[in-house]
Amino acid sequence: MQRFALWRSRHYPAWFVADTTDVFAVSLRTFAVSLLAYAVSQSKAVTGVIVSIESVGTLVLTPIGGTLADRQDRRRMTLAANAAGFLLCLLLGGLVATNRLGAITLAVICLLFSLVVGLLGPANDAMLKSLIPTSLFAKAQAVRESREAVVGLTGSAVSGFLYKISRCVPIFSAAVLYALGFVATLTLPSSARRRGAGADMDMSEADGQKADGETQTVEEGKSAASAHTDADALEPTPNPGFWRELGEGWRWALSKKRFAAAIALGALVNISFVAAQTGAQIQFVAEGINPVKIGLLDTGMGAVSLVGALLANYVTEKVPTGTILWVSLAWVGCCFVPLIFTSSYLPVLCSLSVMGLPLPALNSGLLGFIYGKTPDEMQGRASAVFETAVGLLGAFTPALTGVILQLRHGFSILMAAALVLALAALATALFSPLRTIPRPDSWDEAEL
């Protein structure tokens, strides 16, 4: 049956396990780091800076990592990322356990994590394109959104609970998850890239899928033809240089009108969400609220997002993607309004929670479209371009958030700014080519 086609793909289940352990490990350690940062600094501003360090470093390095993912064996890069994450968690956990962690040391370790995630992280996302057909990308993204909702539902709350037991426990738990991800990645096929042979790679992958007994539909054939057309338009040289490939990725992505519009929309949404979530966390940490309750902020959004993720499987198939975008952003804007007038725990919890309802459908539609329409040999660079352009300003947001929160009525100022950004994202969805993106069954005929 088509509904189970994704899970019947030969390597998708193992990839999903590897990706999930990585995401959950990041959730555990990043929440713990935000608590540790205030514990060792006792400053909102310093806490915001430390939280920003990994995000900024990651996004600066992600374009390089994306280019590496299109040139190197993606499986080997993912294994290296898991191994490095495991070792860094052991180091950080040991320093916490022995009470030798200071603010500068924590900042350096966060910088090291950014090197790992930025240079090696894009390989895992890029690998998916070679494991499943384009026709299953929207469904794969919906499944991923469901997973993200579950991680959001449990990750921060679990990390807060483990932090209450001992500050080092969530860090060591993340190390175990990295080890599990390493084992799962070992079962995936090698994906060494041969430059200038993108078509050959695609054909060998298609033959491998047929050998596994999968049926290639007419729509998949059209999608493959479309991907080859885009790939041919790149006219790669037999052995292009690294920096030339990096620049090629940016030129290709920014030459696609909808890809460029998606970057603008994503950047605005990302900054507004980071400001709201990080601002609430730092505010409540400074007020001495129980770490478990602070973790419940993400749990609330995760719970509602899980409901949204279940609906996303139906909504993304029945409603045009362009419509999903502007309706979702209108909802988000409404949720920011109460936060301008109160910083009390319960109203903040409720507003941030209901804000998560439309996000899975928004992400499934938008990301499924842009990555589903991206040729396999461009996956690493396209993903890196999108993540860097969308996330770079958001990565600096926690540092600015910490400064704003120290002002009089800082929380209200912060949330008003987040609302303005959300409204700008809504305008982008309404007055750009994104508004006319059709349903997934018509993506083959739509231009990127």
Protein backbone atom coordinates (compact mmCIF):
# COMPACT_ATOMS: atom_id res chain seq x y z
CA MET A 1 0.00 0.00 0.00
CA GLN A 2 1.16 3.55 -0.81
CA ARG A 3 0.72 4.70 2.78
CA PHE A 4 3.43 2.24 3.89
CA ALA A 5 5.72 2.75 0.87
CA LEU A 6 8.04 5.03 2.83
CA TRP A 7 8.65 2.50 5.58
CA ARG A 8 9.10 -0.30 3.04
CA SER A 9 12.00 1.60 1.49
CA ARG A 10 15.08 -0.46 2.14
CA HIS A 11 17.17 2.06 4.07
CA TYR A 12 14.68 4.68 5.26
CA PRO A 13 13.93 3.09 8.69
CA ALA A 14 17.64 2.99 9.62
CA TRP A 15 18.10 6.58 8.38
CA PHE A 16 15.12 7.67 10.47
CA VAL A 17 16.58 6.05 13.60
CA ALA A 18 19.96 7.70 13.00
CA ASP A 19 18.37 11.10 12.39
CA THR A 20 16.07 10.82 15.41
CA THR A 21 18.82 9.91 17.88
CA ASP A 22 20.80 12.92 16.66
CA VAL A 23 17.86 15.30 17.02
CA PHE A 24 17.01 14.05 20.51
CA ALA A 25 20.65 14.25 21.61
CA VAL A 26 20.81 17.88 20.44
CA SER A 27 17.56 18.64 22.29
CA LEU A 28 18.88 17.22 25.56
CA ARG A 29 22.24 18.94 25.48
CA THR A 30 21.15 22.36 24.16
CA PHE A 31 18.48 22.77 26.84
CA ALA A 32 20.96 21.71 29.49
CA VAL A 33 23.51 24.20 28.11
CA SER A 34 21.02 27.08 28.49
CA LEU A 35 20.63 26.17 32.18
CA LEU A 36 24.35 25.63 32.69
CA ALA A 37 25.14 28.97 31.05
CA TYR A 38 23.13 30.92 33.61
CA ALA A 39 24.40 28.73 36.44
CA VAL A 40 28.05 29.55 35.66
CA SER A 41 27.54 33.20 34.65
CA GLN A 42 24.51 34.50 36.61
CA SER A 43 23.87 36.92 33.71
CA LYS A 44 21.05 37.02 31.17
CA ALA A 45 23.28 38.68 28.61
CA VAL A 46 26.12 36.15 28.99
CA THR A 47 23.61 33.30 28.87
CA GLY A 48 22.24 34.63 25.58
CA VAL A 49 25.75 34.91 24.13
CA ILE A 50 26.67 31.34 25.08
CA VAL A 51 23.42 30.01 23.64
CA SER A 52 24.16 31.90 20.41
CA ILE A 53 27.70 30.61 19.97
CA GLU A 54 26.83 27.14 18.70
CA SER A 55 24.05 28.41 16.43
CA VAL A 56 26.19 31.13 14.87
CA GLY A 57 29.19 28.87 14.37
CA THR A 58 27.03 26.12 12.91
CA LEU A 59 25.36 28.37 10.37
CA VAL A 60 28.60 30.03 9.28
CA LEU A 61 30.13 26.61 8.60
CA THR A 62 27.04 24.89 7.16
CA PRO A 63 27.65 26.05 3.54
CA ILE A 64 31.08 24.44 3.71
CA GLY A 65 29.56 21.31 5.25
CA GLY A 66 26.90 21.19 2.56
CA THR A 67 29.50 21.37 -0.17
CA LEU A 68 31.50 18.61 1.53
CA ALA A 69 28.32 16.51 1.62
CA ASP A 70 28.06 16.78 -2.17
CA ARG A 71 31.71 15.77 -2.64
CA GLN A 72 32.35 13.16 0.06
CA ASP A 73 30.83 9.95 1.37
CA ARG A 74 27.78 11.18 3.32
CA ARG A 75 27.65 8.02 5.45
CA ARG A 76 31.25 8.48 6.57
CA MET A 77 30.61 12.12 7.43
CA THR A 78 27.56 11.19 9.52
CA LEU A 79 29.56 8.56 11.39
CA ALA A 80 32.23 11.16 12.15
CA ALA A 81 29.57 13.58 13.42
CA ASN A 82 28.15 10.97 15.80
CA ALA A 83 31.59 10.03 17.08
CA ALA A 84 32.58 13.66 17.68
CA GLY A 85 29.28 14.42 19.41
CA PHE A 86 29.80 11.42 21.69
CA LEU A 87 33.32 12.53 22.70
CA LEU A 88 32.35 16.17 23.28
CA CYS A 89 29.43 15.13 25.48
CA LEU A 90 31.75 12.95 27.54
CA LEU A 91 34.10 15.93 27.96
CA LEU A 92 31.32 18.38 28.91
CA GLY A 93 29.63 15.89 31.22
CA GLY A 94 32.93 15.16 32.96
CA LEU A 95 33.61 18.87 33.57
CA VAL A 96 30.12 19.36 34.98
CA ALA A 97 30.38 16.28 37.19
CA THR A 98 33.70 17.49 38.66
CA ASN A 99 32.55 21.12 39.08
CA ARG A 100 35.28 22.41 36.75
CA LEU A 101 33.02 24.08 34.19
CA GLY A 102 33.30 27.84 33.72
CA ALA A 103 31.61 30.24 31.33
CA ILE A 104 34.62 30.46 28.98
CA THR A 105 35.09 26.69 28.92
CA LEU A 106 31.40 26.19 28.18
CA ALA A 107 31.61 28.73 25.35
CA VAL A 108 34.61 26.90 23.84
CA ILE A 109 32.80 23.54 23.98
CA CYS A 110 29.74 25.08 22.32
CA LEU A 111 32.06 26.36 19.58
CA LEU A 112 33.44 22.85 19.11
CA PHE A 113 29.90 21.50 18.79
CA SER A 114 29.27 24.11 16.11
CA LEU A 115 32.27 22.81 14.14
CA VAL A 116 30.88 19.29 14.24
CA VAL A 117 27.30 20.21 13.36
CA GLY A 118 28.24 22.78 10.73
CA LEU A 119 30.87 20.78 8.86
CA LEU A 120 29.44 17.27 9.22
CA GLY A 121 25.73 17.72 9.97
CA PRO A 122 24.48 18.46 6.40
CA ALA A 123 25.51 14.98 5.25
CA ASN A 124 22.67 13.23 7.06
CA ASP A 125 19.95 15.41 5.52
CA ALA A 126 21.52 15.20 2.06
CA MET A 127 21.62 11.41 2.27
CA LEU A 128 17.83 11.09 2.29
CA LYS A 129 17.44 12.10 -1.37
CA SER A 130 19.38 9.01 -2.47
CA LEU A 131 17.30 6.69 -0.29
CA ILE A 132 13.70 7.50 -1.33
CA PRO A 133 11.96 8.72 -4.53
CA THR A 134 10.82 12.34 -4.89
CA SER A 135 7.15 11.32 -4.72
CA LEU A 136 7.65 10.27 -1.09
CA PHE A 137 9.40 13.48 0.00
CA ALA A 138 6.27 15.26 1.25
CA LYS A 139 5.31 12.18 3.28
CA ALA A 140 8.87 11.86 4.61
CA GLN A 141 8.80 15.50 5.67
CA ALA A 142 5.42 15.01 7.39
CA VAL A 143 6.85 12.04 9.29
CA ARG A 144 9.83 14.14 10.22
CA GLU A 145 7.55 16.89 11.52
CA SER A 146 5.75 14.30 13.66
CA ARG A 147 9.10 13.24 15.04
CA GLU A 148 10.07 16.85 15.70
CA ALA A 149 6.82 17.30 17.59
CA VAL A 150 7.53 14.25 19.74
CA VAL A 151 11.06 15.48 20.45
CA GLY A 152 9.66 18.91 21.29
CA LEU A 153 7.09 17.21 23.52
CA THR A 154 9.68 15.26 25.49
CA GLY A 155 13.19 16.61 24.87
CA SER A 156 13.34 19.74 27.02
CA ALA A 157 11.12 18.32 29.76
CA VAL A 158 13.27 15.17 29.95
CA SER A 159 16.42 17.29 29.94
CA GLY A 160 15.01 19.47 32.75
CA PHE A 161 14.07 16.39 34.77
CA LEU A 162 17.53 14.84 34.26
CA TYR A 163 19.13 18.19 35.15
CA LYS A 164 17.27 18.14 38.48
CA ILE A 165 18.80 14.73 39.21
CA SER A 166 22.28 15.98 38.37
CA ARG A 167 23.56 18.65 36.00
CA CYS A 168 25.71 16.13 34.14
CA VAL A 169 23.00 13.51 33.50
CA PRO A 170 21.38 15.11 30.39
CA ILE A 171 24.84 15.55 28.83
CA PHE A 172 25.81 11.91 29.38
CA SER A 173 22.38 10.85 28.09
CA ALA A 174 23.07 12.77 24.88
CA ALA A 175 26.36 10.87 24.56
CA VAL A 176 24.46 7.56 24.65
CA LEU A 177 22.13 8.79 21.90
CA TYR A 178 25.07 9.76 19.69
CA ALA A 179 26.44 6.25 20.13
CA LEU A 180 23.10 4.75 19.06
CA GLY A 181 23.05 7.02 16.02
CA PHE A 182 26.53 5.81 15.09
CA VAL A 183 25.34 2.20 15.14
CA ALA A 184 22.25 2.95 13.03
CA THR A 185 24.32 4.86 10.47
CA LEU A 186 26.62 1.84 10.05
CA THR A 187 23.72 -0.02 8.38
CA LEU A 188 23.25 2.64 5.67
CA PRO A 189 24.90 2.36 2.25
CA SER A 190 28.01 4.25 1.31
CA SER A 191 27.26 7.37 -0.74
CA ALA A 192 30.59 8.47 -2.17
CA ARG A 193 30.02 11.18 -4.75
CA ARG A 194 31.58 11.12 -8.22
CA ARG A 195 31.71 14.66 -9.52
CA GLY A 196 30.34 15.19 -13.02
CA ALA A 197 28.43 11.90 -12.84
CA GLY A 198 25.22 12.99 -11.21
CA ALA A 199 23.06 11.32 -13.85
CA ASP A 200 24.96 8.07 -13.50
CA MET A 201 24.51 8.19 -9.75
CA ASP A 202 20.79 8.73 -10.11
CA MET A 203 20.47 5.86 -12.58
CA SER A 204 22.35 3.47 -10.32
CA GLU A 205 20.12 4.49 -7.40
CA ALA A 206 17.01 3.92 -9.51
CA ASP A 207 18.31 0.50 -10.56
CA GLY A 208 18.97 -0.34 -6.93
CA GLN A 209 15.42 0.61 -6.00
CA LYS A 210 14.04 -1.58 -8.76
CA ALA A 211 16.20 -4.44 -7.54
CA ASP A 212 14.58 -4.04 -4.16
CA GLY A 213 11.21 -4.67 -5.79
CA GLU A 214 9.91 -1.12 -5.69
CA THR A 215 7.58 0.05 -8.46
CA GLN A 216 8.42 3.27 -10.25
CA THR A 217 5.26 5.23 -11.04
CA VAL A 218 4.74 7.60 -13.96
CA GLU A 219 4.81 10.51 -11.54
CA GLU A 220 8.19 9.36 -10.16
CA GLY A 221 9.48 9.15 -13.70
CA LYS A 222 8.37 12.72 -14.36
CA SER A 223 10.02 13.84 -11.11
CA ALA A 224 13.27 12.10 -12.06
CA ALA A 225 13.16 13.72 -15.50
CA SER A 226 12.60 17.11 -13.88
CA ALA A 227 15.53 16.53 -11.53
CA HIS A 228 17.77 15.58 -14.46
CA THR A 229 16.69 18.74 -16.29
CA ASP A 230 17.69 20.88 -13.33
CA ALA A 231 20.93 18.96 -12.92
CA ASP A 232 21.80 19.31 -16.60
CA ALA A 233 21.20 23.06 -16.37
CA LEU A 234 24.09 23.24 -13.90
CA GLU A 235 26.57 21.97 -16.55
CA PRO A 236 29.15 20.77 -13.98
CA THR A 237 32.77 20.41 -14.95
CA PRO A 238 34.37 16.96 -14.46
CA ASN A 239 36.30 18.04 -11.35
CA PRO A 240 35.19 21.49 -10.18
CA GLY A 241 37.02 23.05 -7.26
CA PHE A 242 35.55 23.13 -3.76
CA TRP A 243 34.96 26.88 -3.61
CA ARG A 244 33.54 26.87 -7.12
CA GLU A 245 31.02 24.25 -6.04
CA LEU A 246 30.19 26.26 -2.93
CA GLY A 247 29.49 29.35 -5.03
CA GLU A 248 27.55 27.24 -7.52
CA GLY A 249 25.21 26.13 -4.74
CA TRP A 250 24.42 29.72 -3.75
CA ARG A 251 23.93 30.83 -7.35
CA TRP A 252 21.64 27.89 -8.11
CA ALA A 253 19.49 28.38 -4.99
CA LEU A 254 19.13 32.14 -5.33
CA SER A 255 18.28 31.85 -9.03
CA LYS A 256 15.10 29.93 -8.14
CA LYS A 257 12.37 32.42 -7.28
CA ARG A 258 10.46 30.20 -4.89
CA PHE A 259 13.62 28.95 -3.20
CA ALA A 260 14.72 32.54 -2.60
CA ALA A 261 11.27 33.53 -1.30
CA ALA A 262 11.28 30.50 1.01
CA ILE A 263 14.60 31.69 2.44
CA ALA A 264 13.14 35.13 3.21
CA LEU A 265 10.02 33.68 4.80
CA GLY A 266 11.97 31.12 6.81
CA ALA A 267 14.42 33.72 8.14
CA LEU A 268 11.63 35.96 9.43
CA VAL A 269 9.78 33.08 11.08
CA ASN A 270 12.95 31.67 12.58
CA ILE A 271 13.99 34.94 14.22
CA SER A 272 10.53 35.46 15.70
CA PHE A 273 10.37 31.93 17.13
CA VAL A 274 13.90 31.98 18.53
CA ALA A 275 13.17 35.33 20.20
CA ALA A 276 9.97 34.00 21.79
CA GLN A 277 11.31 30.64 22.95
CA THR A 278 14.76 31.75 24.06
CA GLY A 279 13.37 34.91 25.64
CA ALA A 280 10.89 32.91 27.72
CA GLN A 281 13.54 30.40 28.79
CA ILE A 282 16.09 33.03 29.87
CA GLN A 283 13.40 35.07 31.63
CA PHE A 284 12.19 32.09 33.65
CA VAL A 285 15.71 30.80 34.39
CA ALA A 286 16.56 34.23 35.83
CA GLU A 287 13.36 34.14 37.90
CA GLY A 288 14.45 30.81 39.41
CA ILE A 289 11.55 28.78 38.02
CA ASN A 290 11.91 25.00 38.28
CA PRO A 291 13.89 23.58 35.28
CA VAL A 292 11.16 21.02 34.68
CA LYS A 293 8.57 23.77 34.31
CA ILE A 294 10.85 25.63 31.92
CA GLY A 295 11.21 22.43 29.91
CA LEU A 296 7.43 22.22 29.73
CA LEU A 297 7.44 25.30 27.49
CA ASP A 298 8.78 23.12 24.70
CA THR A 299 6.60 20.23 25.81
CA GLY A 300 3.47 22.33 25.39
CA MET A 301 4.44 23.37 21.88
CA GLY A 302 5.47 19.79 21.15
CA ALA A 303 2.13 18.40 22.27
CA VAL A 304 0.15 20.79 20.08
CA SER A 305 2.62 20.34 17.22
CA LEU A 306 2.09 16.60 17.44
CA VAL A 307 -1.60 17.14 16.82
CA GLY A 308 -0.65 19.44 13.97
CA ALA A 309 1.73 16.81 12.61
CA LEU A 310 -1.02 14.21 12.55
CA LEU A 311 -3.21 16.66 10.65
CA ALA A 312 -0.32 17.62 8.35
CA ASN A 313 -0.38 14.25 6.59
CA TYR A 314 -3.92 15.00 5.41
CA VAL A 315 -3.67 18.78 5.04
CA THR A 316 -0.54 18.80 2.86
CA GLU A 317 -2.16 16.40 0.38
CA LYS A 318 -5.53 18.19 0.14
CA VAL A 319 -4.69 21.90 0.48
CA PRO A 320 -2.41 23.88 -1.86
CA THR A 321 0.95 24.48 -0.19
CA GLY A 322 0.75 28.23 -0.83
CA THR A 323 -2.52 28.45 1.10
CA ILE A 324 -1.06 26.46 3.99
CA LEU A 325 1.76 28.99 4.30
CA TRP A 326 -0.25 32.18 4.69
CA VAL A 327 -2.95 30.63 6.90
CA SER A 328 -0.28 29.18 9.21
CA LEU A 329 1.53 32.50 9.53
CA ALA A 330 -1.69 34.39 10.26
CA TRP A 331 -2.29 31.93 13.13
CA VAL A 332 1.25 32.45 14.47
CA GLY A 333 0.83 36.23 14.43
CA CYS A 334 -2.32 36.00 16.53
CA CYS A 335 -0.51 33.86 19.10
CA PHE A 336 2.20 36.48 19.63
CA VAL A 337 -0.28 39.22 20.64
CA PRO A 338 -0.93 38.08 24.27
CA LEU A 339 2.81 37.83 24.97
CA ILE A 340 3.18 41.59 24.52
CA PHE A 341 1.04 42.20 27.61
CA THR A 342 2.20 39.52 30.06
CA SER A 343 5.25 37.49 31.03
CA SER A 344 3.44 35.25 33.52
CA TYR A 345 4.24 31.57 33.17
CA LEU A 346 0.79 30.17 32.34
CA PRO A 347 -0.14 32.66 29.56
CA VAL A 348 3.32 32.26 28.02
CA LEU A 349 3.00 28.47 28.15
CA CYS A 350 -0.43 28.56 26.48
CA SER A 351 0.54 31.04 23.76
CA LEU A 352 3.75 29.24 22.80
CA SER A 353 1.92 25.91 22.82
CA VAL A 354 -0.94 26.79 20.46
CA MET A 355 1.56 28.54 18.20
CA GLY A 356 2.85 25.10 17.24
CA LEU A 357 -0.38 23.79 15.70
CA PRO A 358 0.16 24.85 12.04
CA LEU A 359 3.95 24.53 11.97
CA PRO A 360 4.17 20.86 10.88
CA ALA A 361 1.95 21.48 7.86
CA LEU A 362 3.88 24.66 7.01
CA ASN A 363 7.23 22.90 7.21
CA SER A 364 6.02 19.75 5.45
CA GLY A 365 4.69 21.74 2.53
CA LEU A 366 7.48 24.29 2.17
CA LEU A 367 10.49 22.06 2.87
CA GLY A 368 8.99 19.10 1.04
CA PHE A 369 8.55 21.27 -2.05
CA ILE A 370 11.97 22.92 -2.16
CA TYR A 371 13.96 19.77 -1.30
CA GLY A 372 11.78 17.50 -3.40
CA LYS A 373 12.44 19.73 -6.41
CA THR A 374 16.20 19.92 -5.73
CA PRO A 375 18.41 17.49 -7.71
CA ASP A 376 20.26 14.85 -5.70
CA GLU A 377 23.71 16.20 -6.54
CA MET A 378 22.64 19.63 -5.16
CA GLN A 379 21.00 18.38 -1.95
CA GLY A 380 23.92 19.12 0.38
CA ARG A 381 24.57 22.61 -0.96
CA ALA A 382 20.89 23.53 -1.29
CA SER A 383 20.21 22.40 2.26
CA ALA A 384 23.24 24.32 3.50
CA VAL A 385 22.22 27.49 1.65
CA PHE A 386 18.69 27.32 3.03
CA GLU A 387 19.69 26.55 6.61
CA THR A 388 22.42 29.17 6.68
CA ALA A 389 20.41 31.95 5.08
CA VAL A 390 17.35 31.17 7.21
CA GLY A 391 19.15 30.61 10.48
CA LEU A 392 22.09 33.00 10.59
CA LEU A 393 20.23 36.02 11.94
CA GLY A 394 18.24 33.74 14.20
CA ALA A 395 21.50 32.36 15.57
CA PHE A 396 22.45 35.85 16.80
CA THR A 397 18.98 36.35 18.28
CA PRO A 398 19.62 34.74 21.72
CA ALA A 399 22.52 37.14 22.34
CA LEU A 400 20.35 40.15 21.48
CA THR A 401 17.46 38.62 23.43
CA GLY A 402 19.53 38.50 26.62
CA VAL A 403 20.38 42.19 26.26
CA ILE A 404 16.78 43.23 25.56
CA LEU A 405 15.48 41.28 28.58
CA GLN A 406 17.62 43.42 30.86
CA LEU A 407 15.71 46.54 29.76
CA ARG A 408 12.60 47.81 31.53
CA HIS A 409 9.62 45.99 30.00
CA GLY A 410 12.18 44.00 28.01
CA PHE A 411 9.93 40.96 27.61
CA SER A 412 7.12 43.03 26.08
CA ILE A 413 9.55 44.79 23.73
CA LEU A 414 10.95 41.44 22.63
CA MET A 415 7.54 39.93 21.88
CA ALA A 416 6.35 43.03 20.01
CA ALA A 417 9.39 42.73 17.76
CA ALA A 418 8.64 39.03 17.23
CA LEU A 419 5.08 39.91 16.18
CA VAL A 420 6.33 42.42 13.60
CA LEU A 421 8.61 39.76 12.10
CA ALA A 422 5.79 37.23 11.97
CA LEU A 423 3.61 39.74 10.11
CA ALA A 424 6.46 40.39 7.65
CA ALA A 425 6.62 36.63 7.01
CA LEU A 426 2.86 36.62 6.37
CA ALA A 427 3.29 39.39 3.80
CA THR A 428 6.03 37.35 2.10
CA ALA A 429 3.71 34.34 1.86
CA LEU A 430 0.93 36.44 0.37
CA PHE A 431 2.88 38.58 -2.10
CA SER A 432 5.52 36.23 -3.49
CA PRO A 433 5.52 33.16 -5.80
CA LEU A 434 5.11 31.00 -2.70
CA ARG A 435 1.38 31.80 -2.65
CA THR A 436 0.79 29.78 -5.84
CA ILE A 437 2.63 26.56 -4.89
CA PRO A 438 0.13 23.77 -5.65
CA ARG A 439 -0.61 20.51 -3.86
CA PRO A 440 2.10 17.79 -3.86
CA ASP A 441 0.41 15.83 -6.65
CA SER A 442 1.12 18.80 -8.94
CA TRP A 443 4.65 19.58 -7.77
CA ASP A 444 6.18 17.87 -10.81
CA GLU A 445 4.73 20.57 -13.08
CA ALA A 446 5.59 23.45 -10.69
CA GLU A 447 8.79 25.45 -11.04
CA LEU A 448 11.17 25.90 -8.13
